[in-house]
Amino acid sequence: MRPVRLHDDVLRRIASVRERMHDESHEALRVSSLARQACLSEQHFVRVFRSVYGVTPGRYLSTLRIAHAKRLLSHGVGVTEVCMSVGYTSLGTFSDRFARETSVSPRAFQRQMRTFGTVPHRIAALYVPACFLGRYAPAIENVRFEEVRIGAVR
């Protein structure tokens, strides 16, 4: 695919559409509405969006919704409630798209997140430099630096 040179005004309009997608990802957004906001035809909007962001608007919106669903599921919100709050109207479609994106069903993902329990703080300690944790970790409970070992946590 050859690079497309776009006018700054078109890029600003595409960026504003992307911001709208982030702000309203839980709503039923249509390509026609997004294209109208960018003052482009639907086909041209899809082509320009893909050239700027590397994916179609539909795929981008789906990825936003799945990411939000993962956050909600990891906090224990029910699958049906998550489905409706991230913008899907069909539980079957949501489950199918979630499974395609994550390779596990929403319920299985939620079970996997429950098994972590209090582990995330300890896992975070493995990936964050000790100097940073020493300064900012007092706010994080249940992290003792003597327990953190390279490659494993007791």
N, C-alpha and C. Protein backbone atom coordinates (compact mmCIF):
# COMPACT_ATOMS: atom_id res chain seq x y z
N MET A 1 0.85 -1.17 0.00
CA MET A 1 0.00 0.00 0.00
C MET A 1 0.89 1.24 0.00
N ARG A 2 0.67 2.13 -0.93
CA ARG A 2 1.51 3.31 -1.02
C ARG A 2 1.07 4.34 0.02
N PRO A 3 2.03 5.12 0.54
CA PRO A 3 1.67 6.12 1.55
C PRO A 3 0.77 7.21 0.96
N VAL A 4 -0.18 7.65 1.74
CA VAL A 4 -1.12 8.66 1.30
C VAL A 4 -0.77 9.98 1.99
N ARG A 5 -0.66 11.04 1.20
CA ARG A 5 -0.41 12.36 1.76
C ARG A 5 -1.76 13.04 1.97
N LEU A 6 -2.02 13.43 3.20
CA LEU A 6 -3.30 14.02 3.53
C LEU A 6 -3.12 15.45 4.01
N HIS A 7 -4.10 16.26 3.74
CA HIS A 7 -4.11 17.64 4.20
C HIS A 7 -4.28 17.66 5.72
N ASP A 8 -3.69 18.65 6.37
CA ASP A 8 -3.77 18.75 7.83
C ASP A 8 -5.21 18.81 8.32
N ASP A 9 -6.07 19.46 7.56
CA ASP A 9 -7.47 19.58 7.95
C ASP A 9 -8.14 18.20 7.98
N VAL A 10 -7.84 17.37 7.00
CA VAL A 10 -8.41 16.02 6.96
C VAL A 10 -7.90 15.22 8.15
N LEU A 11 -6.62 15.34 8.46
CA LEU A 11 -6.06 14.61 9.61
C LEU A 11 -6.71 15.06 10.91
N ARG A 12 -6.96 16.36 11.05
CA ARG A 12 -7.63 16.86 12.27
C ARG A 12 -9.05 16.28 12.38
N ARG A 13 -9.75 16.23 11.24
CA ARG A 13 -11.12 15.70 11.27
C ARG A 13 -11.12 14.20 11.60
N ILE A 14 -10.16 13.47 11.05
CA ILE A 14 -10.05 12.03 11.35
C ILE A 14 -9.71 11.84 12.83
N ALA A 15 -8.82 12.68 13.35
CA ALA A 15 -8.46 12.60 14.78
C ALA A 15 -9.67 12.91 15.66
N SER A 16 -10.50 13.87 15.25
CA SER A 16 -11.68 14.18 16.07
C SER A 16 -12.67 13.03 16.05
N VAL A 17 -12.77 12.33 14.92
CA VAL A 17 -13.64 11.15 14.83
C VAL A 17 -13.10 10.07 15.77
N ARG A 18 -11.79 9.88 15.77
CA ARG A 18 -11.19 8.88 16.66
C ARG A 18 -11.47 9.22 18.13
N GLU A 19 -11.38 10.50 18.49
CA GLU A 19 -11.70 10.91 19.86
C GLU A 19 -13.16 10.60 20.19
N ARG A 20 -14.04 10.86 19.23
CA ARG A 20 -15.46 10.54 19.43
C ARG A 20 -15.63 9.04 19.65
N MET A 21 -14.90 8.24 18.89
CA MET A 21 -14.99 6.79 19.05
C MET A 21 -14.57 6.38 20.45
N HIS A 22 -13.54 7.02 20.99
CA HIS A 22 -13.11 6.72 22.36
C HIS A 22 -14.16 7.16 23.37
N ASP A 23 -14.72 8.35 23.17
CA ASP A 23 -15.69 8.89 24.12
C ASP A 23 -17.03 8.15 24.08
N GLU A 24 -17.43 7.70 22.90
CA GLU A 24 -18.75 7.10 22.73
C GLU A 24 -18.69 5.65 22.30
N SER A 25 -17.64 4.94 22.67
CA SER A 25 -17.48 3.55 22.22
C SER A 25 -18.61 2.64 22.70
N HIS A 26 -19.29 3.02 23.76
CA HIS A 26 -20.39 2.21 24.29
C HIS A 26 -21.69 2.42 23.53
N GLU A 27 -21.71 3.39 22.62
CA GLU A 27 -22.93 3.68 21.86
C GLU A 27 -22.87 3.02 20.48
N ALA A 28 -24.00 2.98 19.82
CA ALA A 28 -24.07 2.40 18.47
C ALA A 28 -23.59 3.44 17.47
N LEU A 29 -22.33 3.37 17.11
CA LEU A 29 -21.75 4.31 16.15
C LEU A 29 -21.80 3.69 14.76
N ARG A 30 -22.24 4.46 13.80
CA ARG A 30 -22.32 4.00 12.42
C ARG A 30 -21.24 4.70 11.60
N VAL A 31 -20.71 3.98 10.61
CA VAL A 31 -19.69 4.55 9.73
C VAL A 31 -20.23 5.79 9.04
N SER A 32 -21.50 5.76 8.66
CA SER A 32 -22.08 6.92 7.98
C SER A 32 -22.03 8.17 8.86
N SER A 33 -22.32 8.01 10.15
CA SER A 33 -22.27 9.13 11.08
C SER A 33 -20.84 9.63 11.28
N LEU A 34 -19.90 8.70 11.40
CA LEU A 34 -18.50 9.07 11.58
C LEU A 34 -17.96 9.76 10.33
N ALA A 35 -18.33 9.25 9.16
CA ALA A 35 -17.88 9.85 7.90
C ALA A 35 -18.47 11.25 7.75
N ARG A 36 -19.71 11.42 8.14
CA ARG A 36 -20.36 12.73 8.06
C ARG A 36 -19.62 13.73 8.96
N GLN A 37 -19.20 13.29 10.15
CA GLN A 37 -18.46 14.17 11.05
C GLN A 37 -17.13 14.58 10.42
N ALA A 38 -16.49 13.67 9.69
CA ALA A 38 -15.21 13.96 9.03
C ALA A 38 -15.40 14.68 7.69
N CYS A 39 -16.65 14.88 7.30
CA CYS A 39 -16.98 15.54 6.02
C CYS A 39 -16.39 14.78 4.83
N LEU A 40 -16.50 13.45 4.88
CA LEU A 40 -16.00 12.59 3.81
C LEU A 40 -17.08 11.58 3.45
N SER A 41 -17.00 11.02 2.24
CA SER A 41 -17.91 9.93 1.90
C SER A 41 -17.52 8.72 2.74
N GLU A 42 -18.44 7.78 2.89
CA GLU A 42 -18.17 6.60 3.72
C GLU A 42 -16.95 5.83 3.22
N GLN A 43 -16.89 5.59 1.92
CA GLN A 43 -15.79 4.80 1.36
C GLN A 43 -14.45 5.52 1.54
N HIS A 44 -14.44 6.82 1.27
CA HIS A 44 -13.19 7.58 1.41
C HIS A 44 -12.79 7.66 2.89
N PHE A 45 -13.77 7.83 3.77
CA PHE A 45 -13.49 7.86 5.21
C PHE A 45 -12.82 6.57 5.66
N VAL A 46 -13.36 5.43 5.25
CA VAL A 46 -12.78 4.15 5.64
C VAL A 46 -11.35 4.02 5.11
N ARG A 47 -11.13 4.42 3.85
CA ARG A 47 -9.78 4.35 3.27
C ARG A 47 -8.80 5.25 4.01
N VAL A 48 -9.22 6.47 4.31
CA VAL A 48 -8.33 7.42 5.00
C VAL A 48 -8.07 6.96 6.43
N PHE A 49 -9.11 6.51 7.13
CA PHE A 49 -8.94 6.03 8.50
C PHE A 49 -7.95 4.87 8.53
N ARG A 50 -8.11 3.93 7.59
CA ARG A 50 -7.21 2.78 7.53
C ARG A 50 -5.77 3.23 7.23
N SER A 51 -5.60 4.19 6.36
CA SER A 51 -4.24 4.63 6.03
C SER A 51 -3.60 5.36 7.21
N VAL A 52 -4.39 6.04 8.03
CA VAL A 52 -3.84 6.77 9.17
C VAL A 52 -3.60 5.85 10.36
N TYR A 53 -4.55 4.99 10.69
CA TYR A 53 -4.47 4.17 11.91
C TYR A 53 -4.16 2.70 11.67
N GLY A 54 -4.14 2.26 10.44
CA GLY A 54 -3.75 0.89 10.13
C GLY A 54 -4.86 -0.14 10.22
N VAL A 55 -6.04 0.26 10.65
CA VAL A 55 -7.21 -0.63 10.73
C VAL A 55 -8.45 0.14 10.31
N THR A 56 -9.50 -0.60 9.98
CA THR A 56 -10.75 0.05 9.62
C THR A 56 -11.42 0.63 10.87
N PRO A 57 -12.33 1.58 10.69
CA PRO A 57 -13.03 2.14 11.86
C PRO A 57 -13.78 1.07 12.66
N GLY A 58 -14.40 0.12 11.97
CA GLY A 58 -15.12 -0.94 12.67
C GLY A 58 -14.21 -1.80 13.54
N ARG A 59 -13.05 -2.18 13.00
CA ARG A 59 -12.09 -2.98 13.76
C ARG A 59 -11.55 -2.18 14.94
N TYR A 60 -11.29 -0.88 14.72
CA TYR A 60 -10.78 -0.02 15.78
C TYR A 60 -11.79 0.07 16.93
N LEU A 61 -13.05 0.30 16.58
CA LEU A 61 -14.10 0.40 17.60
C LEU A 61 -14.26 -0.93 18.34
N SER A 62 -14.20 -2.03 17.62
CA SER A 62 -14.31 -3.34 18.25
C SER A 62 -13.17 -3.56 19.24
N THR A 63 -11.96 -3.17 18.87
CA THR A 63 -10.81 -3.31 19.76
C THR A 63 -10.98 -2.46 21.01
N LEU A 64 -11.49 -1.23 20.85
CA LEU A 64 -11.76 -0.38 22.01
C LEU A 64 -12.76 -1.03 22.96
N ARG A 65 -13.82 -1.57 22.38
CA ARG A 65 -14.87 -2.19 23.20
C ARG A 65 -14.35 -3.42 23.94
N ILE A 66 -13.56 -4.24 23.27
CA ILE A 66 -13.02 -5.45 23.91
C ILE A 66 -12.06 -5.07 25.03
N ALA A 67 -11.24 -4.04 24.82
CA ALA A 67 -10.31 -3.59 25.86
C ALA A 67 -11.09 -3.11 27.09
N HIS A 68 -12.17 -2.37 26.86
CA HIS A 68 -13.00 -1.90 27.97
C HIS A 68 -13.68 -3.09 28.65
N ALA A 69 -14.14 -4.05 27.86
CA ALA A 69 -14.77 -5.24 28.43
C ALA A 69 -13.79 -6.02 29.31
N LYS A 70 -12.54 -6.11 28.88
CA LYS A 70 -11.53 -6.82 29.68
C LYS A 70 -11.35 -6.15 31.04
N ARG A 71 -11.32 -4.81 31.04
CA ARG A 71 -11.19 -4.08 32.32
C ARG A 71 -12.38 -4.37 33.22
N LEU A 72 -13.59 -4.29 32.66
CA LEU A 72 -14.79 -4.53 33.47
C LEU A 72 -14.84 -5.97 33.99
N LEU A 73 -14.53 -6.93 33.13
CA LEU A 73 -14.56 -8.33 33.54
C LEU A 73 -13.53 -8.61 34.63
N SER A 74 -12.38 -7.97 34.54
CA SER A 74 -11.35 -8.21 35.56
C SER A 74 -11.73 -7.59 36.90
N HIS A 75 -12.71 -6.68 36.90
CA HIS A 75 -13.20 -6.11 38.15
C HIS A 75 -14.44 -6.83 38.66
N GLY A 76 -14.82 -7.94 38.03
CA GLY A 76 -15.89 -8.77 38.54
C GLY A 76 -17.29 -8.42 38.05
N VAL A 77 -17.42 -7.55 37.08
CA VAL A 77 -18.74 -7.21 36.54
C VAL A 77 -19.24 -8.39 35.72
N GLY A 78 -20.53 -8.68 35.80
CA GLY A 78 -21.11 -9.82 35.10
C GLY A 78 -21.00 -9.70 33.58
N VAL A 79 -20.95 -10.83 32.90
CA VAL A 79 -20.74 -10.87 31.45
C VAL A 79 -21.85 -10.15 30.70
N THR A 80 -23.10 -10.38 31.05
CA THR A 80 -24.22 -9.72 30.37
C THR A 80 -24.17 -8.22 30.57
N GLU A 81 -23.87 -7.79 31.79
CA GLU A 81 -23.78 -6.37 32.07
C GLU A 81 -22.63 -5.72 31.29
N VAL A 82 -21.51 -6.42 31.20
CA VAL A 82 -20.37 -5.92 30.42
C VAL A 82 -20.76 -5.80 28.96
N CYS A 83 -21.42 -6.82 28.45
CA CYS A 83 -21.85 -6.83 27.05
C CYS A 83 -22.66 -5.57 26.72
N MET A 84 -23.62 -5.26 27.55
CA MET A 84 -24.49 -4.11 27.29
C MET A 84 -23.76 -2.79 27.52
N SER A 85 -22.88 -2.73 28.52
CA SER A 85 -22.23 -1.46 28.83
C SER A 85 -21.13 -1.08 27.86
N VAL A 86 -20.57 -2.03 27.11
CA VAL A 86 -19.53 -1.68 26.14
C VAL A 86 -20.09 -1.44 24.74
N GLY A 87 -21.42 -1.58 24.57
CA GLY A 87 -22.02 -1.20 23.30
C GLY A 87 -22.55 -2.32 22.45
N TYR A 88 -22.49 -3.55 22.91
CA TYR A 88 -23.06 -4.67 22.15
C TYR A 88 -24.50 -4.87 22.57
N THR A 89 -25.35 -5.24 21.63
CA THR A 89 -26.75 -5.50 21.95
C THR A 89 -27.03 -7.00 21.98
N SER A 90 -26.09 -7.80 21.49
CA SER A 90 -26.26 -9.24 21.46
C SER A 90 -25.14 -9.91 22.26
N LEU A 91 -25.53 -10.71 23.23
CA LEU A 91 -24.54 -11.42 24.04
C LEU A 91 -23.74 -12.40 23.20
N GLY A 92 -24.39 -13.03 22.22
CA GLY A 92 -23.70 -13.97 21.34
C GLY A 92 -22.62 -13.30 20.49
N THR A 93 -22.96 -12.15 19.93
CA THR A 93 -21.97 -11.40 19.13
C THR A 93 -20.81 -10.96 20.01
N PHE A 94 -21.13 -10.43 21.19
CA PHE A 94 -20.08 -10.00 22.12
C PHE A 94 -19.16 -11.16 22.48
N SER A 95 -19.74 -12.29 22.86
CA SER A 95 -18.93 -13.45 23.26
C SER A 95 -18.06 -13.94 22.10
N ASP A 96 -18.63 -13.98 20.90
CA ASP A 96 -17.88 -14.42 19.73
C ASP A 96 -16.70 -13.49 19.44
N ARG A 97 -16.95 -12.19 19.43
CA ARG A 97 -15.88 -11.23 19.14
C ARG A 97 -14.84 -11.21 20.25
N PHE A 98 -15.28 -11.34 21.50
CA PHE A 98 -14.35 -11.37 22.62
C PHE A 98 -13.45 -12.59 22.51
N ALA A 99 -14.05 -13.75 22.23
CA ALA A 99 -13.27 -14.99 22.10
C ALA A 99 -12.32 -14.93 20.92
N ARG A 100 -12.75 -14.33 19.82
CA ARG A 100 -11.87 -14.20 18.66
C ARG A 100 -10.67 -13.31 18.97
N GLU A 101 -10.90 -12.26 19.75
CA GLU A 101 -9.83 -11.31 20.08
C GLU A 101 -8.88 -11.83 21.16
N THR A 102 -9.42 -12.54 22.15
CA THR A 102 -8.61 -12.94 23.30
C THR A 102 -8.31 -14.43 23.37
N SER A 103 -8.93 -15.22 22.52
CA SER A 103 -8.79 -16.69 22.49
C SER A 103 -9.43 -17.40 23.68
N VAL A 104 -10.20 -16.68 24.49
CA VAL A 104 -10.97 -17.29 25.57
C VAL A 104 -12.33 -16.61 25.64
N SER A 105 -13.31 -17.31 26.19
CA SER A 105 -14.63 -16.72 26.34
C SER A 105 -14.59 -15.64 27.43
N PRO A 106 -15.58 -14.74 27.45
CA PRO A 106 -15.59 -13.72 28.51
C PRO A 106 -15.62 -14.34 29.91
N ARG A 107 -16.38 -15.40 30.09
CA ARG A 107 -16.47 -16.05 31.40
C ARG A 107 -15.13 -16.67 31.79
N ALA A 108 -14.47 -17.33 30.85
CA ALA A 108 -13.16 -17.93 31.14
C ALA A 108 -12.14 -16.84 31.45
N PHE A 109 -12.20 -15.72 30.74
CA PHE A 109 -11.30 -14.60 31.02
C PHE A 109 -11.52 -14.09 32.43
N GLN A 110 -12.79 -13.98 32.82
CA GLN A 110 -13.10 -13.49 34.16
C GLN A 110 -12.58 -14.46 35.23
N ARG A 111 -12.72 -15.76 34.99
CA ARG A 111 -12.18 -16.76 35.93
C ARG A 111 -10.67 -16.65 36.04
N GLN A 112 -10.00 -16.47 34.89
CA GLN A 112 -8.54 -16.32 34.92
C GLN A 112 -8.13 -15.10 35.73
N MET A 113 -8.86 -14.01 35.62
CA MET A 113 -8.53 -12.80 36.37
C MET A 113 -8.76 -12.99 37.86
N ARG A 114 -9.75 -13.78 38.22
CA ARG A 114 -10.01 -14.04 39.64
C ARG A 114 -8.89 -14.84 40.29
N THR A 115 -8.24 -15.70 39.53
CA THR A 115 -7.18 -16.52 40.11
C THR A 115 -5.96 -15.68 40.50
N PHE A 116 -5.83 -14.47 39.92
CA PHE A 116 -4.69 -13.63 40.28
C PHE A 116 -4.80 -13.11 41.71
N GLY A 117 -5.99 -12.79 42.15
CA GLY A 117 -6.17 -12.28 43.51
C GLY A 117 -5.31 -11.06 43.76
N THR A 118 -4.41 -11.16 44.75
CA THR A 118 -3.55 -10.02 45.08
C THR A 118 -2.21 -10.07 44.35
N VAL A 119 -2.06 -11.01 43.45
CA VAL A 119 -0.78 -11.17 42.75
C VAL A 119 -0.38 -9.96 41.90
N PRO A 120 -1.28 -9.22 41.26
CA PRO A 120 -0.83 -8.15 40.37
C PRO A 120 0.16 -7.18 40.99
N HIS A 121 0.03 -6.85 42.29
CA HIS A 121 1.00 -5.95 42.91
C HIS A 121 2.38 -6.58 42.91
N ARG A 122 2.44 -7.86 43.18
CA ARG A 122 3.74 -8.54 43.20
C ARG A 122 4.31 -8.68 41.79
N ILE A 123 3.44 -8.95 40.84
CA ILE A 123 3.92 -9.05 39.45
C ILE A 123 4.43 -7.70 38.99
N ALA A 124 3.74 -6.63 39.37
CA ALA A 124 4.18 -5.29 39.00
C ALA A 124 5.58 -5.02 39.55
N ALA A 125 5.86 -5.52 40.73
CA ALA A 125 7.17 -5.30 41.34
C ALA A 125 8.29 -5.94 40.52
N LEU A 126 7.97 -6.99 39.78
CA LEU A 126 9.00 -7.63 38.96
C LEU A 126 9.39 -6.79 37.76
N TYR A 127 8.47 -5.97 37.27
CA TYR A 127 8.71 -5.22 36.05
C TYR A 127 9.02 -3.74 36.27
N VAL A 128 8.92 -3.27 37.52
CA VAL A 128 9.18 -1.87 37.82
C VAL A 128 10.52 -1.78 38.54
N PRO A 129 11.39 -0.83 38.16
CA PRO A 129 12.69 -0.71 38.82
C PRO A 129 12.53 -0.48 40.32
N ALA A 130 13.42 -1.06 41.09
CA ALA A 130 13.36 -0.97 42.55
C ALA A 130 13.45 0.47 43.03
N CYS A 131 14.24 1.32 42.36
CA CYS A 131 14.35 2.72 42.78
C CYS A 131 13.00 3.43 42.68
N PHE A 132 12.23 3.10 41.64
CA PHE A 132 10.91 3.69 41.47
C PHE A 132 9.96 3.16 42.54
N LEU A 133 10.00 1.85 42.79
CA LEU A 133 9.12 1.27 43.81
C LEU A 133 9.47 1.80 45.19
N GLY A 134 10.77 1.98 45.45
CA GLY A 134 11.17 2.50 46.75
C GLY A 134 10.60 3.87 47.03
N ARG A 135 10.48 4.66 45.98
CA ARG A 135 9.95 6.02 46.15
C ARG A 135 8.43 6.05 46.18
N TYR A 136 7.78 5.26 45.32
CA TYR A 136 6.33 5.38 45.15
C TYR A 136 5.53 4.20 45.71
N ALA A 137 6.15 3.14 46.13
CA ALA A 137 5.44 1.94 46.58
C ALA A 137 4.79 2.04 47.94
N PRO A 138 5.14 2.99 48.81
CA PRO A 138 4.42 3.02 50.09
C PRO A 138 2.91 3.05 49.93
N ALA A 139 2.42 3.56 48.80
CA ALA A 139 0.97 3.58 48.55
C ALA A 139 0.46 2.20 48.17
N ILE A 140 1.35 1.30 47.74
CA ILE A 140 0.95 -0.04 47.34
C ILE A 140 1.12 -0.97 48.54
N GLU A 141 0.04 -1.60 48.95
CA GLU A 141 0.10 -2.51 50.08
C GLU A 141 0.50 -3.90 49.62
N ASN A 142 0.92 -4.73 50.55
CA ASN A 142 1.25 -6.14 50.32
C ASN A 142 2.46 -6.35 49.41
N VAL A 143 3.32 -5.36 49.28
CA VAL A 143 4.54 -5.56 48.49
C VAL A 143 5.71 -5.42 49.45
N ARG A 144 6.42 -6.51 49.64
CA ARG A 144 7.63 -6.47 50.46
C ARG A 144 8.79 -6.77 49.54
N PHE A 145 9.76 -5.88 49.51
CA PHE A 145 10.84 -6.00 48.55
C PHE A 145 11.70 -7.22 48.77
N GLU A 146 11.76 -7.71 50.01
CA GLU A 146 12.56 -8.91 50.24
C GLU A 146 11.94 -10.14 49.59
N GLU A 147 10.63 -10.09 49.27
CA GLU A 147 9.97 -11.22 48.62
C GLU A 147 10.20 -11.24 47.10
N VAL A 148 10.58 -10.12 46.55
CA VAL A 148 10.73 -10.02 45.10
C VAL A 148 12.07 -10.59 44.68
N ARG A 149 12.04 -11.57 43.83
CA ARG A 149 13.26 -12.21 43.30
C ARG A 149 13.20 -12.14 41.78
N ILE A 150 14.31 -12.05 41.16
CA ILE A 150 14.34 -12.03 39.70
C ILE A 150 13.78 -13.37 39.19
N GLY A 151 12.76 -13.30 38.35
CA GLY A 151 12.21 -14.48 37.71
C GLY A 151 11.13 -15.19 38.51
N ALA A 152 10.97 -14.91 39.79
CA ALA A 152 9.94 -15.61 40.56
C ALA A 152 9.53 -14.79 41.76
N VAL A 153 8.33 -15.02 42.21
CA VAL A 153 7.83 -14.39 43.43
C VAL A 153 7.39 -15.49 44.36
N ARG A 154 7.80 -15.40 45.61
CA ARG A 154 7.38 -16.41 46.57
C ARG A 154 5.95 -16.26 46.94
